[in-house]
mmCIF file of all heavy atoms, coordinates in Angstrom:
data_MODEL
# 
_entry.id   MODEL 
# 
loop_
_atom_site.group_PDB 
_atom_site.id 
_atom_site.type_symbol 
_atom_site.label_atom_id 
_atom_site.label_alt_id 
_atom_site.label_comp_id 
_atom_site.label_asym_id 
_atom_site.label_entity_id 
_atom_site.label_seq_id 
_atom_site.pdbx_PDB_ins_code 
_atom_site.Cartn_x 
_atom_site.Cartn_y 
_atom_site.Cartn_z 
_atom_site.occupancy 
_atom_site.B_iso_or_equiv 
_atom_site.pdbx_formal_charge 
_atom_site.auth_seq_id 
_atom_site.auth_comp_id 
_atom_site.auth_asym_id 
_atom_site.auth_atom_id 
_atom_site.pdbx_PDB_model_num 
ATOM 1   N N   . VAL A 1 1  ? -72.037 7.664  13.231 1.00 0.00 ? 1  VAL A N   1 
ATOM 2   C CA  . VAL A 1 1  ? -71.002 7.276  12.271 1.00 0.00 ? 1  VAL A CA  1 
ATOM 3   C C   . VAL A 1 1  ? -70.914 8.305  11.153 1.00 0.00 ? 1  VAL A C   1 
ATOM 4   O O   . VAL A 1 1  ? -69.826 8.737  10.753 1.00 0.00 ? 1  VAL A O   1 
ATOM 5   C CB  . VAL A 1 1  ? -71.302 5.870  11.699 1.00 0.00 ? 1  VAL A CB  1 
ATOM 6   C CG1 . VAL A 1 1  ? -70.368 5.565  10.536 1.00 0.00 ? 1  VAL A CG1 1 
ATOM 7   C CG2 . VAL A 1 1  ? -71.152 4.818  12.778 1.00 0.00 ? 1  VAL A CG2 1 
ATOM 8   N N   . SER A 1 2  ? -72.065 8.715  10.628 1.00 0.00 ? 2  SER A N   1 
ATOM 9   C CA  . SER A 1 2  ? -72.080 9.679  9.539  1.00 0.00 ? 2  SER A CA  1 
ATOM 10  C C   . SER A 1 2  ? -71.454 10.998 9.969  1.00 0.00 ? 2  SER A C   1 
ATOM 11  O O   . SER A 1 2  ? -70.709 11.626 9.213  1.00 0.00 ? 2  SER A O   1 
ATOM 12  C CB  . SER A 1 2  ? -73.518 9.905  9.063  1.00 0.00 ? 2  SER A CB  1 
ATOM 13  O OG  . SER A 1 2  ? -73.558 10.881 8.047  1.00 0.00 ? 2  SER A OG  1 
ATOM 14  N N   . GLU A 1 3  ? -71.748 11.416 11.204 1.00 0.00 ? 3  GLU A N   1 
ATOM 15  C CA  . GLU A 1 3  ? -71.216 12.695 11.687 1.00 0.00 ? 3  GLU A CA  1 
ATOM 16  C C   . GLU A 1 3  ? -69.699 12.674 11.769 1.00 0.00 ? 3  GLU A C   1 
ATOM 17  O O   . GLU A 1 3  ? -69.028 13.627 11.364 1.00 0.00 ? 3  GLU A O   1 
ATOM 18  C CB  . GLU A 1 3  ? -71.816 13.000 13.066 1.00 0.00 ? 3  GLU A CB  1 
ATOM 19  C CG  . GLU A 1 3  ? -71.425 14.371 13.599 1.00 0.00 ? 3  GLU A CG  1 
ATOM 20  C CD  . GLU A 1 3  ? -72.108 14.693 14.915 1.00 0.00 ? 3  GLU A CD  1 
ATOM 21  O OE1 . GLU A 1 3  ? -73.004 13.922 15.315 1.00 0.00 ? 3  GLU A OE1 1 
ATOM 22  O OE2 . GLU A 1 3  ? -71.750 15.717 15.529 1.00 0.00 ? 3  GLU A OE2 1 
ATOM 23  N N   . VAL A 1 4  ? -69.117 11.586 12.262 1.00 0.00 ? 4  VAL A N   1 
ATOM 24  C CA  . VAL A 1 4  ? -67.662 11.537 12.397 1.00 0.00 ? 4  VAL A CA  1 
ATOM 25  C C   . VAL A 1 4  ? -66.997 11.382 11.028 1.00 0.00 ? 4  VAL A C   1 
ATOM 26  O O   . VAL A 1 4  ? -65.915 11.938 10.783 1.00 0.00 ? 4  VAL A O   1 
ATOM 27  C CB  . VAL A 1 4  ? -67.239 10.390 13.350 1.00 0.00 ? 4  VAL A CB  1 
ATOM 28  C CG1 . VAL A 1 4  ? -67.419 9.026  12.704 1.00 0.00 ? 4  VAL A CG1 1 
ATOM 29  C CG2 . VAL A 1 4  ? -65.789 10.564 13.802 1.00 0.00 ? 4  VAL A CG2 1 
ATOM 30  N N   . LEU A 1 5  ? -67.632 10.649 10.091 1.00 0.00 ? 5  LEU A N   1 
ATOM 31  C CA  . LEU A 1 5  ? -67.045 10.502 8.766  1.00 0.00 ? 5  LEU A CA  1 
ATOM 32  C C   . LEU A 1 5  ? -67.086 11.813 7.979  1.00 0.00 ? 5  LEU A C   1 
ATOM 33  O O   . LEU A 1 5  ? -66.285 12.012 7.065  1.00 0.00 ? 5  LEU A O   1 
ATOM 34  C CB  . LEU A 1 5  ? -67.782 9.414  7.972  1.00 0.00 ? 5  LEU A CB  1 
ATOM 35  C CG  . LEU A 1 5  ? -67.633 7.967  8.443  1.00 0.00 ? 5  LEU A CG  1 
ATOM 36  C CD1 . LEU A 1 5  ? -68.445 7.033  7.552  1.00 0.00 ? 5  LEU A CD1 1 
ATOM 37  C CD2 . LEU A 1 5  ? -66.176 7.539  8.467  1.00 0.00 ? 5  LEU A CD2 1 
ATOM 38  N N   . ALA A 1 6  ? -68.010 12.687 8.329  1.00 0.00 ? 6  ALA A N   1 
ATOM 39  C CA  . ALA A 1 6  ? -68.183 13.928 7.572  1.00 0.00 ? 6  ALA A CA  1 
ATOM 40  C C   . ALA A 1 6  ? -67.188 15.013 7.951  1.00 0.00 ? 6  ALA A C   1 
ATOM 41  O O   . ALA A 1 6  ? -67.159 16.078 7.324  1.00 0.00 ? 6  ALA A O   1 
ATOM 42  C CB  . ALA A 1 6  ? -69.609 14.443 7.759  1.00 0.00 ? 6  ALA A CB  1 
ATOM 43  N N   . THR A 1 7  ? -66.365 14.775 8.978  1.00 0.00 ? 7  THR A N   1 
ATOM 44  C CA  . THR A 1 7  ? -65.443 15.810 9.444  1.00 0.00 ? 7  THR A CA  1 
ATOM 45  C C   . THR A 1 7  ? -64.030 15.238 9.564  1.00 0.00 ? 7  THR A C   1 
ATOM 46  O O   . THR A 1 7  ? -63.841 14.024 9.691  1.00 0.00 ? 7  THR A O   1 
ATOM 47  C CB  . THR A 1 7  ? -65.880 16.351 10.823 1.00 0.00 ? 7  THR A CB  1 
ATOM 48  O OG1 . THR A 1 7  ? -65.932 15.262 11.756 1.00 0.00 ? 7  THR A OG1 1 
ATOM 49  C CG2 . THR A 1 7  ? -67.238 17.007 10.733 1.00 0.00 ? 7  THR A CG2 1 
ATOM 50  N N   . ASP A 1 8  ? -63.029 16.134 9.528  1.00 0.00 ? 8  ASP A N   1 
ATOM 51  C CA  . ASP A 1 8  ? -61.659 15.717 9.806  1.00 0.00 ? 8  ASP A CA  1 
ATOM 52  C C   . ASP A 1 8  ? -61.552 15.352 11.285 1.00 0.00 ? 8  ASP A C   1 
ATOM 53  O O   . ASP A 1 8  ? -62.022 16.100 12.152 1.00 0.00 ? 8  ASP A O   1 
ATOM 54  C CB  . ASP A 1 8  ? -60.671 16.842 9.485  1.00 0.00 ? 8  ASP A CB  1 
ATOM 55  C CG  . ASP A 1 8  ? -60.595 17.127 7.991  1.00 0.00 ? 8  ASP A CG  1 
ATOM 56  O OD1 . ASP A 1 8  ? -61.026 16.260 7.204  1.00 0.00 ? 8  ASP A OD1 1 
ATOM 57  O OD2 . ASP A 1 8  ? -60.124 18.220 7.616  1.00 0.00 ? 8  ASP A OD2 1 
ATOM 58  N N   . THR A 1 9  ? -60.943 14.215 11.578 1.00 0.00 ? 9  THR A N   1 
ATOM 59  C CA  . THR A 1 9  ? -60.836 13.744 12.959 1.00 0.00 ? 9  THR A CA  1 
ATOM 60  C C   . THR A 1 9  ? -59.364 13.650 13.341 1.00 0.00 ? 9  THR A C   1 
ATOM 61  O O   . THR A 1 9  ? -58.581 12.978 12.661 1.00 0.00 ? 9  THR A O   1 
ATOM 62  C CB  . THR A 1 9  ? -61.497 12.358 13.119 1.00 0.00 ? 9  THR A CB  1 
ATOM 63  O OG1 . THR A 1 9  ? -62.870 12.440 12.739 1.00 0.00 ? 9  THR A OG1 1 
ATOM 64  C CG2 . THR A 1 9  ? -61.408 11.883 14.563 1.00 0.00 ? 9  THR A CG2 1 
ATOM 65  N N   . VAL A 1 10 ? -58.995 14.319 14.428 1.00 0.00 ? 10 VAL A N   1 
ATOM 66  C CA  . VAL A 1 10 ? -57.616 14.293 14.907 1.00 0.00 ? 10 VAL A CA  1 
ATOM 67  C C   . VAL A 1 10 ? -57.496 13.218 15.978 1.00 0.00 ? 10 VAL A C   1 
ATOM 68  O O   . VAL A 1 10 ? -58.236 13.214 16.970 1.00 0.00 ? 10 VAL A O   1 
ATOM 69  C CB  . VAL A 1 10 ? -57.197 15.650 15.482 1.00 0.00 ? 10 VAL A CB  1 
ATOM 70  C CG1 . VAL A 1 10 ? -55.766 15.581 16.021 1.00 0.00 ? 10 VAL A CG1 1 
ATOM 71  C CG2 . VAL A 1 10 ? -57.323 16.738 14.428 1.00 0.00 ? 10 VAL A CG2 1 
ATOM 72  N N   . THR A 1 11 ? -56.595 12.263 15.769 1.00 0.00 ? 11 THR A N   1 
ATOM 73  C CA  . THR A 1 11 ? -56.338 11.227 16.766 1.00 0.00 ? 11 THR A CA  1 
ATOM 74  C C   . THR A 1 11 ? -54.828 11.063 16.892 1.00 0.00 ? 11 THR A C   1 
ATOM 75  O O   . THR A 1 11 ? -54.153 10.611 15.962 1.00 0.00 ? 11 THR A O   1 
ATOM 76  C CB  . THR A 1 11 ? -57.005 9.891  16.371 1.00 0.00 ? 11 THR A CB  1 
ATOM 77  O OG1 . THR A 1 11 ? -56.568 8.880  17.266 1.00 0.00 ? 11 THR A OG1 1 
ATOM 78  C CG2 . THR A 1 11 ? -56.702 9.492  14.943 1.00 0.00 ? 11 THR A CG2 1 
ATOM 79  N N   . GLY A 1 12 ? -54.288 11.463 18.038 1.00 0.00 ? 12 GLY A N   1 
ATOM 80  C CA  . GLY A 1 12 ? -52.838 11.442 18.218 1.00 0.00 ? 12 GLY A CA  1 
ATOM 81  C C   . GLY A 1 12 ? -52.174 12.424 17.272 1.00 0.00 ? 12 GLY A C   1 
ATOM 82  O O   . GLY A 1 12 ? -52.541 13.606 17.209 1.00 0.00 ? 12 GLY A O   1 
ATOM 83  N N   . ASP A 1 13 ? -51.218 11.931 16.505 1.00 0.00 ? 13 ASP A N   1 
ATOM 84  C CA  . ASP A 1 13 ? -50.517 12.764 15.531 1.00 0.00 ? 13 ASP A CA  1 
ATOM 85  C C   . ASP A 1 13 ? -51.109 12.647 14.136 1.00 0.00 ? 13 ASP A C   1 
ATOM 86  O O   . ASP A 1 13 ? -50.540 13.164 13.174 1.00 0.00 ? 13 ASP A O   1 
ATOM 87  C CB  . ASP A 1 13 ? -49.026 12.365 15.477 1.00 0.00 ? 13 ASP A CB  1 
ATOM 88  C CG  . ASP A 1 13 ? -48.322 12.585 16.806 1.00 0.00 ? 13 ASP A CG  1 
ATOM 89  O OD1 . ASP A 1 13 ? -48.770 13.493 17.546 1.00 0.00 ? 13 ASP A OD1 1 
ATOM 90  O OD2 . ASP A 1 13 ? -47.373 11.842 17.102 1.00 0.00 ? 13 ASP A OD2 1 
ATOM 91  N N   . ILE A 1 14 ? -52.230 11.964 14.019 1.00 0.00 ? 14 ILE A N   1 
ATOM 92  C CA  . ILE A 1 14 ? -52.818 11.698 12.707 1.00 0.00 ? 14 ILE A CA  1 
ATOM 93  C C   . ILE A 1 14 ? -54.142 12.443 12.575 1.00 0.00 ? 14 ILE A C   1 
ATOM 94  O O   . ILE A 1 14 ? -54.938 12.512 13.515 1.00 0.00 ? 14 ILE A O   1 
ATOM 95  C CB  . ILE A 1 14 ? -53.063 10.181 12.514 1.00 0.00 ? 14 ILE A CB  1 
ATOM 96  C CG1 . ILE A 1 14 ? -51.753 9.411  12.645 1.00 0.00 ? 14 ILE A CG1 1 
ATOM 97  C CG2 . ILE A 1 14 ? -53.711 9.898  11.165 1.00 0.00 ? 14 ILE A CG2 1 
ATOM 98  C CD1 . ILE A 1 14 ? -51.949 7.922  12.608 1.00 0.00 ? 14 ILE A CD1 1 
ATOM 99  N N   . THR A 1 15 ? -54.366 13.002 11.390 1.00 0.00 ? 15 THR A N   1 
ATOM 100 C CA  . THR A 1 15 ? -55.663 13.598 11.074 1.00 0.00 ? 15 THR A CA  1 
ATOM 101 C C   . THR A 1 15 ? -56.347 12.721 10.032 1.00 0.00 ? 15 THR A C   1 
ATOM 102 O O   . THR A 1 15 ? -55.854 12.557 8.914  1.00 0.00 ? 15 THR A O   1 
ATOM 103 C CB  . THR A 1 15 ? -55.510 15.020 10.522 1.00 0.00 ? 15 THR A CB  1 
ATOM 104 O OG1 . THR A 1 15 ? -54.897 15.853 11.525 1.00 0.00 ? 15 THR A OG1 1 
ATOM 105 C CG2 . THR A 1 15 ? -56.875 15.607 10.154 1.00 0.00 ? 15 THR A CG2 1 
ATOM 106 N N   . LEU A 1 16 ? -57.479 12.146 10.418 1.00 0.00 ? 16 LEU A N   1 
ATOM 107 C CA  . LEU A 1 16 ? -58.253 11.318 9.493  1.00 0.00 ? 16 LEU A CA  1 
ATOM 108 C C   . LEU A 1 16 ? -59.115 12.226 8.640  1.00 0.00 ? 16 LEU A C   1 
ATOM 109 O O   . LEU A 1 16 ? -59.912 12.998 9.171  1.00 0.00 ? 16 LEU A O   1 
ATOM 110 C CB  . LEU A 1 16 ? -59.130 10.332 10.279 1.00 0.00 ? 16 LEU A CB  1 
ATOM 111 C CG  . LEU A 1 16 ? -58.398 9.372  11.223 1.00 0.00 ? 16 LEU A CG  1 
ATOM 112 C CD1 . LEU A 1 16 ? -59.404 8.580  12.054 1.00 0.00 ? 16 LEU A CD1 1 
ATOM 113 C CD2 . LEU A 1 16 ? -57.508 8.424  10.423 1.00 0.00 ? 16 LEU A CD2 1 
ATOM 114 N N   . PRO A 1 17 ? -58.988 12.167 7.309  1.00 0.00 ? 17 PRO A N   1 
ATOM 115 C CA  . PRO A 1 17 ? -59.737 13.090 6.454  1.00 0.00 ? 17 PRO A CA  1 
ATOM 116 C C   . PRO A 1 17 ? -61.222 12.742 6.414  1.00 0.00 ? 17 PRO A C   1 
ATOM 117 O O   . PRO A 1 17 ? -61.625 11.585 6.594  1.00 0.00 ? 17 PRO A O   1 
ATOM 118 C CB  . PRO A 1 17 ? -59.094 12.878 5.074  1.00 0.00 ? 17 PRO A CB  1 
ATOM 119 C CG  . PRO A 1 17 ? -58.599 11.466 5.111  1.00 0.00 ? 17 PRO A CG  1 
ATOM 120 C CD  . PRO A 1 17 ? -58.155 11.235 6.528  1.00 0.00 ? 17 PRO A CD  1 
ATOM 121 N N   . ALA A 1 18 ? -62.034 13.760 6.186  1.00 0.00 ? 18 ALA A N   1 
ATOM 122 C CA  . ALA A 1 18 ? -63.473 13.543 5.999  1.00 0.00 ? 18 ALA A CA  1 
ATOM 123 C C   . ALA A 1 18 ? -63.707 12.687 4.758  1.00 0.00 ? 18 ALA A C   1 
ATOM 124 O O   . ALA A 1 18 ? -62.947 12.751 3.792  1.00 0.00 ? 18 ALA A O   1 
ATOM 125 C CB  . ALA A 1 18 ? -64.188 14.882 5.879  1.00 0.00 ? 18 ALA A CB  1 
ATOM 126 N N   . ILE A 1 19 ? -64.759 11.887 4.800  1.00 0.00 ? 19 ILE A N   1 
ATOM 127 C CA  . ILE A 1 19 ? -65.075 10.975 3.694  1.00 0.00 ? 19 ILE A CA  1 
ATOM 128 C C   . ILE A 1 19 ? -66.453 11.310 3.149  1.00 0.00 ? 19 ILE A C   1 
ATOM 129 O O   . ILE A 1 19 ? -67.450 11.305 3.898  1.00 0.00 ? 19 ILE A O   1 
ATOM 130 C CB  . ILE A 1 19 ? -65.030 9.506  4.170  1.00 0.00 ? 19 ILE A CB  1 
ATOM 131 C CG1 . ILE A 1 19 ? -63.613 9.154  4.632  1.00 0.00 ? 19 ILE A CG1 1 
ATOM 132 C CG2 . ILE A 1 19 ? -65.498 8.564  3.068  1.00 0.00 ? 19 ILE A CG2 1 
ATOM 133 C CD1 . ILE A 1 19 ? -63.486 7.746  5.162  1.00 0.00 ? 19 ILE A CD1 1 
ATOM 134 N N   . ASP A 1 20 ? -66.489 11.622 1.865  1.00 0.00 ? 20 ASP A N   1 
ATOM 135 C CA  . ASP A 1 20 ? -67.776 11.879 1.214  1.00 0.00 ? 20 ASP A CA  1 
ATOM 136 C C   . ASP A 1 20 ? -68.585 10.587 1.186  1.00 0.00 ? 20 ASP A C   1 
ATOM 137 O O   . ASP A 1 20 ? -68.086 9.537  0.760  1.00 0.00 ? 20 ASP A O   1 
ATOM 138 C CB  . ASP A 1 20 ? -67.537 12.386 -0.210 1.00 0.00 ? 20 ASP A CB  1 
ATOM 139 C CG  . ASP A 1 20 ? -68.833 12.793 -0.893 1.00 0.00 ? 20 ASP A CG  1 
ATOM 140 O OD1 . ASP A 1 20 ? -69.763 13.203 -0.185 1.00 0.00 ? 20 ASP A OD1 1 
ATOM 141 O OD2 . ASP A 1 20 ? -68.904 12.687 -2.129 1.00 0.00 ? 20 ASP A OD2 1 
ATOM 142 N N   . HIS A 1 21 ? -69.826 10.636 1.655  1.00 0.00 ? 21 HIS A N   1 
ATOM 143 C CA  . HIS A 1 21 ? -70.621 9.416  1.750  1.00 0.00 ? 21 HIS A CA  1 
ATOM 144 C C   . HIS A 1 21 ? -72.104 9.753  1.684  1.00 0.00 ? 21 HIS A C   1 
ATOM 145 O O   . HIS A 1 21 ? -72.509 10.910 1.816  1.00 0.00 ? 21 HIS A O   1 
ATOM 146 C CB  . HIS A 1 21 ? -70.321 8.674  3.060  1.00 0.00 ? 21 HIS A CB  1 
ATOM 147 C CG  . HIS A 1 21 ? -70.709 9.449  4.286  1.00 0.00 ? 21 HIS A CG  1 
ATOM 148 N ND1 . HIS A 1 21 ? -69.921 10.460 4.802  1.00 0.00 ? 21 HIS A ND1 1 
ATOM 149 C CD2 . HIS A 1 21 ? -71.803 9.385  5.088  1.00 0.00 ? 21 HIS A CD2 1 
ATOM 150 C CE1 . HIS A 1 21 ? -70.505 10.981 5.871  1.00 0.00 ? 21 HIS A CE1 1 
ATOM 151 N NE2 . HIS A 1 21 ? -71.658 10.340 6.064  1.00 0.00 ? 21 HIS A NE2 1 
ATOM 152 N N   . ALA A 1 22 ? -72.901 8.738  1.462  1.00 0.00 ? 22 ALA A N   1 
ATOM 153 C CA  . ALA A 1 22 ? -74.361 8.880  1.464  1.00 0.00 ? 22 ALA A CA  1 
ATOM 154 C C   . ALA A 1 22 ? -74.907 8.175  2.698  1.00 0.00 ? 22 ALA A C   1 
ATOM 155 O O   . ALA A 1 22 ? -74.560 7.024  2.969  1.00 0.00 ? 22 ALA A O   1 
ATOM 156 C CB  . ALA A 1 22 ? -74.958 8.261  0.198  1.00 0.00 ? 22 ALA A CB  1 
ATOM 157 N N   . LEU A 1 23 ? -75.739 8.885  3.445  1.00 0.00 ? 23 LEU A N   1 
ATOM 158 C CA  . LEU A 1 23 ? -76.350 8.316  4.641  1.00 0.00 ? 23 LEU A CA  1 
ATOM 159 C C   . LEU A 1 23 ? -77.724 7.762  4.275  1.00 0.00 ? 23 LEU A C   1 
ATOM 160 O O   . LEU A 1 23 ? -78.591 8.486  3.773  1.00 0.00 ? 23 LEU A O   1 
ATOM 161 C CB  . LEU A 1 23 ? -76.483 9.387  5.730  1.00 0.00 ? 23 LEU A CB  1 
ATOM 162 C CG  . LEU A 1 23 ? -77.241 8.965  6.993  1.00 0.00 ? 23 LEU A CG  1 
ATOM 163 C CD1 . LEU A 1 23 ? -76.524 7.817  7.688  1.00 0.00 ? 23 LEU A CD1 1 
ATOM 164 C CD2 . LEU A 1 23 ? -77.399 10.147 7.941  1.00 0.00 ? 23 LEU A CD2 1 
ATOM 165 N N   . GLN A 1 24 ? -77.923 6.476  4.523  1.00 0.00 ? 24 GLN A N   1 
ATOM 166 C CA  . GLN A 1 24 ? -79.208 5.832  4.218  1.00 0.00 ? 24 GLN A CA  1 
ATOM 167 C C   . GLN A 1 24 ? -79.709 5.162  5.490  1.00 0.00 ? 24 GLN A C   1 
ATOM 168 O O   . GLN A 1 24 ? -79.072 4.254  6.011  1.00 0.00 ? 24 GLN A O   1 
ATOM 169 C CB  . GLN A 1 24 ? -79.037 4.798  3.105  1.00 0.00 ? 24 GLN A CB  1 
ATOM 170 C CG  . GLN A 1 24 ? -78.529 5.401  1.807  1.00 0.00 ? 24 GLN A CG  1 
ATOM 171 C CD  . GLN A 1 24 ? -78.340 4.355  0.727  1.00 0.00 ? 24 GLN A CD  1 
ATOM 172 O OE1 . GLN A 1 24 ? -78.451 3.178  0.970  1.00 0.00 ? 24 GLN A OE1 1 
ATOM 173 N NE2 . GLN A 1 24 ? -78.047 4.813  -0.486 1.00 0.00 ? 24 GLN A NE2 1 
# 
């Protein structure tokens, strides 16, 4: 989960932006 949230993700015509987060 942390890895995918840390990067821009392209799905279809949409790019989901990376989300700054803390992994615990």
